[in-house]
Amino acid sequence: MLVGKAATIAPTKAYPAATPGGLRSDVAAIYVLNNLGNQWSGTSVKTKTKWAKQRFKPVAWDGHDTAHPDERTTDADGNAEFPASPRGYCVYAPVFE
């Protein structure tokens, strides 16, 4: 809670989500929520450095534009831009081969 300041809602927000337990303890997903009503928007996410040059595949998405989101690959530092459709969301999961 902010005290003495007006709270604002960011138009696009990413929520890294780790999976509790499961088959692999290092598996996680990135959930992107886009509150903008008229355009695709994303946010830069810094993942774990062990995910440098890691591919992430969209596994679930919806919104005002149902086009298939593109796969993303992190850079050498584990950073990438993850977008979602207008008034929509996208869940990206790492691809292990």
PDB file of N, CA and C in Angstrom:
ATOM      1  N   MET A   1       0.839  -1.176   0.000  1.00  0.00           N
ATOM      2  CA  MET A   1       0.000   0.000   0.000  1.00  0.00           C
ATOM      3  C   MET A   1       0.882   1.236   0.000  1.00  0.00           C
ATOM      4  N   LEU A   2       0.551   2.191  -0.836  1.00  0.00           N
ATOM      5  CA  LEU A   2       1.291   3.447  -0.879  1.00  0.00           C
ATOM      6  C   LEU A   2       0.649   4.431   0.087  1.00  0.00           C
ATOM      7  N   VAL A   3       1.467   5.086   0.850  1.00  0.00           N
ATOM      8  CA  VAL A   3       0.957   6.081   1.782  1.00  0.00           C
ATOM      9  C   VAL A   3       1.383   7.456   1.290  1.00  0.00           C
ATOM     10  N   GLY A   4       0.426   8.356   1.107  1.00  0.00           N
ATOM     11  CA  GLY A   4       0.734   9.714   0.686  1.00  0.00           C
ATOM     12  C   GLY A   4       0.990   9.864  -0.797  1.00  0.00           C
ATOM     13  N   LYS A   5       0.797   8.798  -1.584  1.00  0.00           N
ATOM     14  CA  LYS A   5       0.987   8.873  -3.030  1.00  0.00           C
ATOM     15  C   LYS A   5      -0.188   8.190  -3.712  1.00  0.00           C
ATOM     16  N   ALA A   6      -0.503   8.663  -4.896  1.00  0.00           N
ATOM     17  CA  ALA A   6      -1.584   8.036  -5.656  1.00  0.00           C
ATOM     18  C   ALA A   6      -1.070   6.743  -6.275  1.00  0.00           C
ATOM     19  N   ALA A   7      -1.836   5.687  -6.149  1.00  0.00           N
ATOM     20  CA  ALA A   7      -1.456   4.410  -6.752  1.00  0.00           C
ATOM     21  C   ALA A   7      -1.878   4.412  -8.221  1.00  0.00           C
ATOM     22  N   THR A   8      -1.041   3.885  -9.082  1.00  0.00           N
ATOM     23  CA  THR A   8      -1.380   3.772 -10.493  1.00  0.00           C
ATOM     24  C   THR A   8      -1.249   2.313 -10.911  1.00  0.00           C
ATOM     25  N   ILE A   9      -2.010   1.941 -11.905  1.00  0.00           N
ATOM     26  CA  ILE A   9      -1.936   0.591 -12.440  1.00  0.00           C
ATOM     27  C   ILE A   9      -1.125   0.650 -13.715  1.00  0.00           C
ATOM     28  N   ALA A  10      -0.077  -0.137 -13.769  1.00  0.00           N
ATOM     29  CA  ALA A  10       0.767  -0.177 -14.957  1.00  0.00           C
ATOM     30  C   ALA A  10      -0.012  -0.777 -16.121  1.00  0.00           C
ATOM     31  N   PRO A  11       0.153  -0.241 -17.335  1.00  0.00           N
ATOM     32  CA  PRO A  11      -0.590  -0.775 -18.473  1.00  0.00           C
ATOM     33  C   PRO A  11      -0.173  -2.198 -18.834  1.00  0.00           C
ATOM     34  N   THR A  12       1.073  -2.548 -18.623  1.00  0.00           N
ATOM     35  CA  THR A  12       1.539  -3.902 -18.913  1.00  0.00           C
ATOM     36  C   THR A  12       2.392  -4.372 -17.760  1.00  0.00           C
ATOM     37  N   LYS A  13       2.158  -5.579 -17.310  1.00  0.00           N
ATOM     38  CA  LYS A  13       2.870  -6.107 -16.149  1.00  0.00           C
ATOM     39  C   LYS A  13       3.238  -7.554 -16.420  1.00  0.00           C
ATOM     40  N   ALA A  14       4.428  -7.961 -16.008  1.00  0.00           N
ATOM     41  CA  ALA A  14       4.856  -9.355 -16.130  1.00  0.00           C
ATOM     42  C   ALA A  14       4.977  -9.937 -14.736  1.00  0.00           C
ATOM     43  N   TYR A  15       4.528 -11.156 -14.588  1.00  0.00           N
ATOM     44  CA  TYR A  15       4.570 -11.849 -13.311  1.00  0.00           C
ATOM     45  C   TYR A  15       5.306 -13.173 -13.481  1.00  0.00           C
ATOM     46  N   PRO A  16       6.596 -13.238 -13.143  1.00  0.00           N
ATOM     47  CA  PRO A  16       7.279 -14.531 -13.204  1.00  0.00           C
ATOM     48  C   PRO A  16       6.653 -15.473 -12.189  1.00  0.00           C
ATOM     49  N   ALA A  17       6.388 -16.687 -12.603  1.00  0.00           N
ATOM     50  CA  ALA A  17       5.711 -17.648 -11.740  1.00  0.00           C
ATOM     51  C   ALA A  17       6.479 -18.956 -11.716  1.00  0.00           C
ATOM     52  N   ALA A  18       7.002 -19.309 -10.570  1.00  0.00           N
ATOM     53  CA  ALA A  18       7.705 -20.584 -10.425  1.00  0.00           C
ATOM     54  C   ALA A  18       6.688 -21.672 -10.113  1.00  0.00           C
ATOM     55  N   THR A  19       6.980 -22.860 -10.583  1.00  0.00           N
ATOM     56  CA  THR A  19       6.085 -23.970 -10.287  1.00  0.00           C
ATOM     57  C   THR A  19       6.527 -24.636  -8.998  1.00  0.00           C
ATOM     58  N   PRO A  20       5.622 -24.823  -8.053  1.00  0.00           N
ATOM     59  CA  PRO A  20       5.994 -25.482  -6.799  1.00  0.00           C
ATOM     60  C   PRO A  20       6.137 -26.991  -7.017  1.00  0.00           C
ATOM     61  N   GLY A  21       7.285 -27.534  -6.672  1.00  0.00           N
ATOM     62  CA  GLY A  21       7.504 -28.974  -6.818  1.00  0.00           C
ATOM     63  C   GLY A  21       7.500 -29.386  -8.266  1.00  0.00           C
ATOM     64  N   GLY A  22       6.763 -30.410  -8.598  1.00  0.00           N
ATOM     65  CA  GLY A  22       6.670 -30.854  -9.979  1.00  0.00           C
ATOM     66  C   GLY A  22       7.871 -31.691 -10.377  1.00  0.00           C
ATOM     67  N   LEU A  23       7.984 -31.921 -11.659  1.00  0.00           N
ATOM     68  CA  LEU A  23       9.053 -32.773 -12.164  1.00  0.00           C
ATOM     69  C   LEU A  23      10.410 -32.096 -12.147  1.00  0.00           C
ATOM     70  N   ARG A  24      10.432 -30.798 -12.365  1.00  0.00           N
ATOM     71  CA  ARG A  24      11.691 -30.048 -12.382  1.00  0.00           C
ATOM     72  C   ARG A  24      11.547 -28.828 -11.503  1.00  0.00           C
ATOM     73  N   SER A  25      12.463 -28.651 -10.583  1.00  0.00           N
ATOM     74  CA  SER A  25      12.356 -27.514  -9.665  1.00  0.00           C
ATOM     75  C   SER A  25      12.743 -26.199 -10.332  1.00  0.00           C
ATOM     76  N   ASP A  26      13.387 -26.253 -11.514  1.00  0.00           N
ATOM     77  CA  ASP A  26      13.821 -25.027 -12.176  1.00  0.00           C
ATOM     78  C   ASP A  26      12.830 -24.543 -13.235  1.00  0.00           C
ATOM     79  N   VAL A  27      11.710 -25.212 -13.393  1.00  0.00           N
ATOM     80  CA  VAL A  27      10.733 -24.832 -14.406  1.00  0.00           C
ATOM     81  C   VAL A  27       9.868 -23.695 -13.870  1.00  0.00           C
ATOM     82  N   ALA A  28       9.618 -22.732 -14.700  1.00  0.00           N
ATOM     83  CA  ALA A  28       8.792 -21.589 -14.324  1.00  0.00           C
ATOM     84  C   ALA A  28       8.081 -21.082 -15.562  1.00  0.00           C
ATOM     85  N   ALA A  29       7.225 -20.106 -15.383  1.00  0.00           N
ATOM     86  CA  ALA A  29       6.516 -19.483 -16.494  1.00  0.00           C
ATOM     87  C   ALA A  29       6.517 -17.980 -16.279  1.00  0.00           C
ATOM     88  N   ILE A  30       6.272 -17.247 -17.354  1.00  0.00           N
ATOM     89  CA  ILE A  30       6.140 -15.793 -17.274  1.00  0.00           C
ATOM     90  C   ILE A  30       4.739 -15.442 -17.740  1.00  0.00           C
ATOM     91  N   TYR A  31       3.987 -14.776 -16.883  1.00  0.00           N
ATOM     92  CA  TYR A  31       2.615 -14.366 -17.161  1.00  0.00           C
ATOM     93  C   TYR A  31       2.629 -12.871 -17.426  1.00  0.00           C
ATOM     94  N   VAL A  32       2.164 -12.466 -18.616  1.00  0.00           N
ATOM     95  CA  VAL A  32       2.141 -11.049 -18.991  1.00  0.00           C
ATOM     96  C   VAL A  32       0.687 -10.614 -19.117  1.00  0.00           C
ATOM     97  N   LEU A  33       0.342  -9.534 -18.442  1.00  0.00           N
ATOM     98  CA  LEU A  33      -1.007  -8.975 -18.462  1.00  0.00           C
ATOM     99  C   LEU A  33      -0.945  -7.600 -19.108  1.00  0.00           C
ATOM    100  N   ASN A  34      -1.730  -7.402 -20.165  1.00  0.00           N
ATOM    101  CA  ASN A  34      -1.757  -6.127 -20.882  1.00  0.00           C
ATOM    102  C   ASN A  34      -3.102  -5.453 -20.634  1.00  0.00           C
ATOM    103  N   ASN A  35      -3.089  -4.312 -19.965  1.00  0.00           N
ATOM    104  CA  ASN A  35      -4.301  -3.573 -19.638  1.00  0.00           C
ATOM    105  C   ASN A  35      -4.663  -2.538 -20.707  1.00  0.00           C
ATOM    106  N   LEU A  36      -3.812  -2.377 -21.716  1.00  0.00           N
ATOM    107  CA  LEU A  36      -4.113  -1.434 -22.795  1.00  0.00           C
ATOM    108  C   LEU A  36      -5.180  -2.031 -23.698  1.00  0.00           C
ATOM    109  N   GLY A  37      -6.125  -1.228 -24.126  1.00  0.00           N
ATOM    110  CA  GLY A  37      -7.237  -1.744 -24.912  1.00  0.00           C
ATOM    111  C   GLY A  37      -7.061  -1.702 -26.406  1.00  0.00           C
ATOM    112  N   ASN A  38      -5.983  -1.097 -26.904  1.00  0.00           N
ATOM    113  CA  ASN A  38      -5.894  -0.904 -28.345  1.00  0.00           C
ATOM    114  C   ASN A  38      -4.584  -1.346 -28.989  1.00  0.00           C
ATOM    115  N   GLN A  39      -3.668  -1.923 -28.237  1.00  0.00           N
ATOM    116  CA  GLN A  39      -2.399  -2.316 -28.855  1.00  0.00           C
ATOM    117  C   GLN A  39      -1.711  -3.424 -28.076  1.00  0.00           C
ATOM    118  N   TRP A  40      -0.932  -4.215 -28.821  1.00  0.00           N
ATOM    119  CA  TRP A  40      -0.068  -5.192 -28.169  1.00  0.00           C
ATOM    120  C   TRP A  40       0.949  -4.421 -27.355  1.00  0.00           C
ATOM    121  N   SER A  41       1.279  -4.935 -26.206  1.00  0.00           N
ATOM    122  CA  SER A  41       2.269  -4.281 -25.369  1.00  0.00           C
ATOM    123  C   SER A  41       3.003  -5.352 -24.580  1.00  0.00           C
ATOM    124  N   GLY A  42       4.244  -5.058 -24.266  1.00  0.00           N
ATOM    125  CA  GLY A  42       5.048  -6.010 -23.509  1.00  0.00           C
ATOM    126  C   GLY A  42       5.908  -5.296 -22.499  1.00  0.00           C
ATOM    127  N   THR A  43       6.669  -6.073 -21.815  1.00  0.00           N
ATOM    128  CA  THR A  43       7.573  -5.517 -20.830  1.00  0.00           C
ATOM    129  C   THR A  43       8.850  -6.333 -20.835  1.00  0.00           C
ATOM    130  N   SER A  44       9.933  -5.683 -20.510  1.00  0.00           N
ATOM    131  CA  SER A  44      11.220  -6.366 -20.442  1.00  0.00           C
ATOM    132  C   SER A  44      11.296  -7.138 -19.135  1.00  0.00           C
ATOM    133  N   VAL A  45      11.725  -8.385 -19.236  1.00  0.00           N
ATOM    134  CA  VAL A  45      11.824  -9.249 -18.066  1.00  0.00           C
ATOM    135  C   VAL A  45      13.252  -9.756 -17.952  1.00  0.00           C
ATOM    136  N   LYS A  46      13.798  -9.679 -16.749  1.00  0.00           N
ATOM    137  CA  LYS A  46      15.108 -10.269 -16.485  1.00  0.00           C
ATOM    138  C   LYS A  46      14.862 -11.611 -15.820  1.00  0.00           C
ATOM    139  N   THR A  47      15.251 -12.670 -16.500  1.00  0.00           N
ATOM    140  CA  THR A  47      15.100 -14.009 -15.953  1.00  0.00           C
ATOM    141  C   THR A  47      16.371 -14.380 -15.201  1.00  0.00           C
ATOM    142  N   LYS A  48      16.407 -15.591 -14.709  1.00  0.00           N
ATOM    143  CA  LYS A  48      17.625 -16.082 -14.068  1.00  0.00           C
ATOM    144  C   LYS A  48      18.742 -16.147 -15.103  1.00  0.00           C
ATOM    145  N   THR A  49      19.950 -15.882 -14.673  1.00  0.00           N
ATOM    146  CA  THR A  49      21.068 -15.893 -15.619  1.00  0.00           C
ATOM    147  C   THR A  49      21.295 -17.277 -16.207  1.00  0.00           C
ATOM    148  N   LYS A  50      20.836 -18.325 -15.520  1.00  0.00           N
ATOM    149  CA  LYS A  50      20.972 -19.659 -16.104  1.00  0.00           C
ATOM    150  C   LYS A  50      20.056 -19.815 -17.316  1.00  0.00           C
ATOM    151  N   TRP A  51      19.134 -18.860 -17.522  1.00  0.00           N
ATOM    152  CA  TRP A  51      18.266 -18.879 -18.689  1.00  0.00           C
ATOM    153  C   TRP A  51      18.757 -17.933 -19.771  1.00  0.00           C
ATOM    154  N   ALA A  52      20.057 -17.669 -19.811  1.00  0.00           N
ATOM    155  CA  ALA A  52      20.627 -16.872 -20.897  1.00  0.00           C
ATOM    156  C   ALA A  52      20.449 -17.648 -22.201  1.00  0.00           C
ATOM    157  N   LYS A  53      20.020 -16.934 -23.230  1.00  0.00           N
ATOM    158  CA  LYS A  53      19.774 -17.520 -24.553  1.00  0.00           C
ATOM    159  C   LYS A  53      18.759 -18.673 -24.495  1.00  0.00           C
ATOM    160  N   GLN A  54      17.785 -18.544 -23.611  1.00  0.00           N
ATOM    161  CA  GLN A  54      16.736 -19.554 -23.427  1.00  0.00           C
ATOM    162  C   GLN A  54      15.518 -19.204 -24.269  1.00  0.00           C
ATOM    163  N   ARG A  55      14.962 -20.168 -24.972  1.00  0.00           N
ATOM    164  CA  ARG A  55      13.724 -19.967 -25.728  1.00  0.00           C
ATOM    165  C   ARG A  55      12.522 -20.090 -24.793  1.00  0.00           C
ATOM    166  N   PHE A  56      11.542 -19.200 -24.986  1.00  0.00           N
ATOM    167  CA  PHE A  56      10.274 -19.250 -24.267  1.00  0.00           C
ATOM    168  C   PHE A  56       9.148 -19.321 -25.296  1.00  0.00           C
ATOM    169  N   LYS A  57       8.244 -20.268 -25.098  1.00  0.00           N
ATOM    170  CA  LYS A  57       7.147 -20.489 -26.025  1.00  0.00           C
ATOM    171  C   LYS A  57       5.839 -20.035 -25.381  1.00  0.00           C
ATOM    172  N   PRO A  58       4.971 -19.325 -26.131  1.00  0.00           N
ATOM    173  CA  PRO A  58       3.659 -18.986 -25.585  1.00  0.00           C
ATOM    174  C   PRO A  58       2.816 -20.254 -25.488  1.00  0.00           C
ATOM    175  N   VAL A  59       2.282 -20.525 -24.299  1.00  0.00           N
ATOM    176  CA  VAL A  59       1.501 -21.748 -24.091  1.00  0.00           C
ATOM    177  C   VAL A  59       0.026 -21.459 -23.818  1.00  0.00           C
ATOM    178  N   ALA A  60      -0.314 -20.219 -23.475  1.00  0.00           N
ATOM    179  CA  ALA A  60      -1.715 -19.824 -23.270  1.00  0.00           C
ATOM    180  C   ALA A  60      -1.812 -18.320 -23.499  1.00  0.00           C
ATOM    181  N   TRP A  61      -2.878 -17.877 -24.160  1.00  0.00           N
ATOM    182  CA  TRP A  61      -3.065 -16.448 -24.411  1.00  0.00           C
ATOM    183  C   TRP A  61      -4.516 -16.179 -24.788  1.00  0.00           C
ATOM    184  N   ASP A  62      -4.926 -14.926 -24.599  1.00  0.00           N
ATOM    185  CA  ASP A  62      -6.257 -14.474 -24.986  1.00  0.00           C
ATOM    186  C   ASP A  62      -6.262 -12.956 -24.912  1.00  0.00           C
ATOM    187  N   GLY A  63      -7.268 -12.342 -25.499  1.00  0.00           N
ATOM    188  CA  GLY A  63      -7.390 -10.891 -25.468  1.00  0.00           C
ATOM    189  C   GLY A  63      -8.197 -10.409 -26.656  1.00  0.00           C
ATOM    190  N   HIS A  64      -8.153  -9.100 -26.914  1.00  0.00           N
ATOM    191  CA  HIS A  64      -8.903  -8.518 -28.021  1.00  0.00           C
ATOM    192  C   HIS A  64      -8.324  -8.885 -29.373  1.00  0.00           C
ATOM    193  N   ASP A  65      -7.096  -9.368 -29.427  1.00  0.00           N
ATOM    194  CA  ASP A  65      -6.468  -9.848 -30.656  1.00  0.00           C
ATOM    195  C   ASP A  65      -5.990 -11.264 -30.355  1.00  0.00           C
ATOM    196  N   THR A  66      -6.548 -12.244 -31.026  1.00  0.00           N
ATOM    197  CA  THR A  66      -6.216 -13.639 -30.725  1.00  0.00           C
ATOM    198  C   THR A  66      -5.089 -14.188 -31.595  1.00  0.00           C
ATOM    199  N   ALA A  67      -4.324 -13.309 -32.228  1.00  0.00           N
ATOM    200  CA  ALA A  67      -3.175 -13.759 -33.023  1.00  0.00           C
ATOM    201  C   ALA A  67      -2.197 -14.516 -32.128  1.00  0.00           C
ATOM    202  N   HIS A  68      -1.516 -15.470 -32.724  1.00  0.00           N
ATOM    203  CA  HIS A  68      -0.551 -16.294 -31.984  1.00  0.00           C
ATOM    204  C   HIS A  68       0.683 -15.459 -31.641  1.00  0.00           C
ATOM    205  N   PRO A  69       1.026 -15.317 -30.362  1.00  0.00           N
ATOM    206  CA  PRO A  69       2.248 -14.591 -29.996  1.00  0.00           C
ATOM    207  C   PRO A  69       3.490 -15.359 -30.462  1.00  0.00           C
ATOM    208  N   ASP A  70       4.559 -14.642 -30.715  1.00  0.00           N
ATOM    209  CA  ASP A  70       5.816 -15.256 -31.158  1.00  0.00           C
ATOM    210  C   ASP A  70       6.601 -15.802 -29.977  1.00  0.00           C
ATOM    211  N   GLU A  71       7.438 -16.802 -30.263  1.00  0.00           N
ATOM    212  CA  GLU A  71       8.386 -17.272 -29.262  1.00  0.00           C
ATOM    213  C   GLU A  71       9.374 -16.157 -28.962  1.00  0.00           C
ATOM    214  N   ARG A  72       9.951 -16.188 -27.791  1.00  0.00           N
ATOM    215  CA  ARG A  72      10.950 -15.208 -27.361  1.00  0.00           C
ATOM    216  C   ARG A  72      12.209 -15.949 -26.956  1.00  0.00           C
ATOM    217  N   THR A  73      13.357 -15.306 -27.157  1.00  0.00           N
ATOM    218  CA  THR A  73      14.638 -15.866 -26.719  1.00  0.00           C
ATOM    219  C   THR A  73      15.355 -14.805 -25.910  1.00  0.00           C
ATOM    220  N   THR A  74      15.811 -15.185 -24.731  1.00  0.00           N
ATOM    221  CA  THR A  74      16.525 -14.223 -23.880  1.00  0.00           C
ATOM    222  C   THR A  74      17.914 -13.957 -24.442  1.00  0.00           C
ATOM    223  N   ASP A  75      18.456 -12.813 -24.081  1.00  0.00           N
ATOM    224  CA  ASP A  75      19.806 -12.464 -24.519  1.00  0.00           C
ATOM    225  C   ASP A  75      20.843 -13.119 -23.599  1.00  0.00           C
ATOM    226  N   ALA A  76      22.094 -12.766 -23.763  1.00  0.00           N
ATOM    227  CA  ALA A  76      23.187 -13.367 -22.991  1.00  0.00           C
ATOM    228  C   ALA A  76      23.069 -13.095 -21.491  1.00  0.00           C
ATOM    229  N   ASP A  77      22.313 -12.053 -21.104  1.00  0.00           N
ATOM    230  CA  ASP A  77      22.122 -11.737 -19.689  1.00  0.00           C
ATOM    231  C   ASP A  77      20.797 -12.268 -19.129  1.00  0.00           C
ATOM    232  N   GLY A  78      20.009 -12.956 -19.958  1.00  0.00           N
ATOM    233  CA  GLY A  78      18.736 -13.498 -19.500  1.00  0.00           C
ATOM    234  C   GLY A  78      17.568 -12.540 -19.644  1.00  0.00           C
ATOM    235  N   ASN A  79      17.715 -11.474 -20.451  1.00  0.00           N
ATOM    236  CA  ASN A  79      16.656 -10.478 -20.631  1.00  0.00           C
ATOM    237  C   ASN A  79      15.909 -10.706 -21.943  1.00  0.00           C
ATOM    238  N   ALA A  80      14.603 -10.415 -21.944  1.00  0.00           N
ATOM    239  CA  ALA A  80      13.810 -10.456 -23.172  1.00  0.00           C
ATOM    240  C   ALA A  80      12.546  -9.641 -22.978  1.00  0.00           C
ATOM    241  N   GLU A  81      11.953  -9.256 -24.091  1.00  0.00           N
ATOM    242  CA  GLU A  81      10.682  -8.545 -24.104  1.00  0.00           C
ATOM    243  C   GLU A  81       9.574  -9.582 -24.284  1.00  0.00           C
ATOM    244  N   PHE A  82       8.554  -9.543 -23.426  1.00  0.00           N
ATOM    245  CA  PHE A  82       7.447 -10.497 -23.480  1.00  0.00           C
ATOM    246  C   PHE A  82       6.144  -9.717 -23.644  1.00  0.00           C
ATOM    247  N   PRO A  83       5.487  -9.801 -24.822  1.00  0.00           N
ATOM    248  CA  PRO A  83       4.257  -9.045 -25.061  1.00  0.00           C
ATOM    249  C   PRO A  83       2.987  -9.857 -24.825  1.00  0.00           C
ATOM    250  N   ALA A  84       1.861  -9.136 -24.738  1.00  0.00           N
ATOM    251  CA  ALA A  84       0.523  -9.726 -24.667  1.00  0.00           C
ATOM    252  C   ALA A  84      -0.415  -8.883 -25.516  1.00  0.00           C
ATOM    253  N   SER A  85      -1.512  -9.485 -25.952  1.00  0.00           N
ATOM    254  CA  SER A  85      -2.456  -8.778 -26.816  1.00  0.00           C
ATOM    255  C   SER A  85      -3.242  -7.724 -26.029  1.00  0.00           C
ATOM    256  N   PRO A  86      -3.923  -6.799 -26.725  1.00  0.00           N
ATOM    257  CA  PRO A  86      -4.710  -5.772 -26.047  1.00  0.00           C
ATOM    258  C   PRO A  86      -5.745  -6.381 -25.105  1.00  0.00           C
ATOM    259  N   ARG A  87      -5.837  -5.830 -23.901  1.00  0.00           N
ATOM    260  CA  ARG A  87      -6.760  -6.326 -22.878  1.00  0.00           C
ATOM    261  C   ARG A  87      -6.650  -7.845 -22.744  1.00  0.00           C
ATOM    262  N   GLY A  88      -5.413  -8.317 -22.769  1.00  0.00           N
ATOM    263  CA  GLY A  88      -5.221  -9.755 -22.748  1.00  0.00           C
ATOM    264  C   GLY A  88      -4.044 -10.189 -21.901  1.00  0.00           C
ATOM    265  N   TYR A  89      -3.732 -11.453 -22.041  1.00  0.00           N
ATOM    266  CA  TYR A  89      -2.627 -12.036 -21.288  1.00  0.00           C
ATOM    267  C   TYR A  89      -1.894 -13.033 -22.168  1.00  0.00           C
ATOM    268  N   CYS A  90      -0.693 -13.397 -21.769  1.00  0.00           N
ATOM    269  CA  CYS A  90       0.056 -14.461 -22.402  1.00  0.00           C
ATOM    270  C   CYS A  90       0.929 -15.129 -21.358  1.00  0.00           C
ATOM    271  N   VAL A  91       0.989 -16.449 -21.400  1.00  0.00           N
ATOM    272  CA  VAL A  91       1.846 -17.219 -20.511  1.00  0.00           C
ATOM    273  C   VAL A  91       2.951 -17.827 -21.374  1.00  0.00           C
ATOM    274  N   TYR A  92       4.191 -17.537 -21.024  1.00  0.00           N
ATOM    275  CA  TYR A  92       5.352 -18.067 -21.730  1.00  0.00           C
ATOM    276  C   TYR A  92       6.050 -19.090 -20.848  1.00  0.00           C
ATOM    277  N   ALA A  93       6.435 -20.225 -21.422  1.00  0.00           N
ATOM    278  CA  ALA A  93       7.149 -21.270 -20.683  1.00  0.00           C
ATOM    279  C   ALA A  93       8.460 -21.557 -21.384  1.00  0.00           C
ATOM    280  N   PRO A  94       9.505 -21.874 -20.619  1.00  0.00           N
ATOM    281  CA  PRO A  94      10.788 -22.185 -21.240  1.00  0.00           C
ATOM    282  C   PRO A  94      10.706 -23.495 -22.035  1.00  0.00           C
ATOM    283  N   VAL A  95      11.459 -23.548 -23.117  1.00  0.00           N
ATOM    284  CA  VAL A  95      11.505 -24.736 -23.971  1.00  0.00           C
ATOM    285  C   VAL A  95      12.799 -25.482 -23.655  1.00  0.00           C
ATOM    286  N   PHE A  96      12.670 -26.710 -23.203  1.00  0.00           N
ATOM    287  CA  PHE A  96      13.852 -27.539 -22.896  1.00  0.00           C
ATOM    288  C   PHE A  96      13.947 -28.631 -23.950  1.00  0.00           C
ATOM    289  N   GLU A  97      15.105 -28.716 -24.600  1.00  0.00           N
ATOM    290  CA  GLU A  97      15.277 -29.730 -25.647  1.00  0.00           C
ATOM    291  C   GLU A  97      16.399 -30.649 -25.291  1.00  0.00           C
TER     292      GLU A  97
END
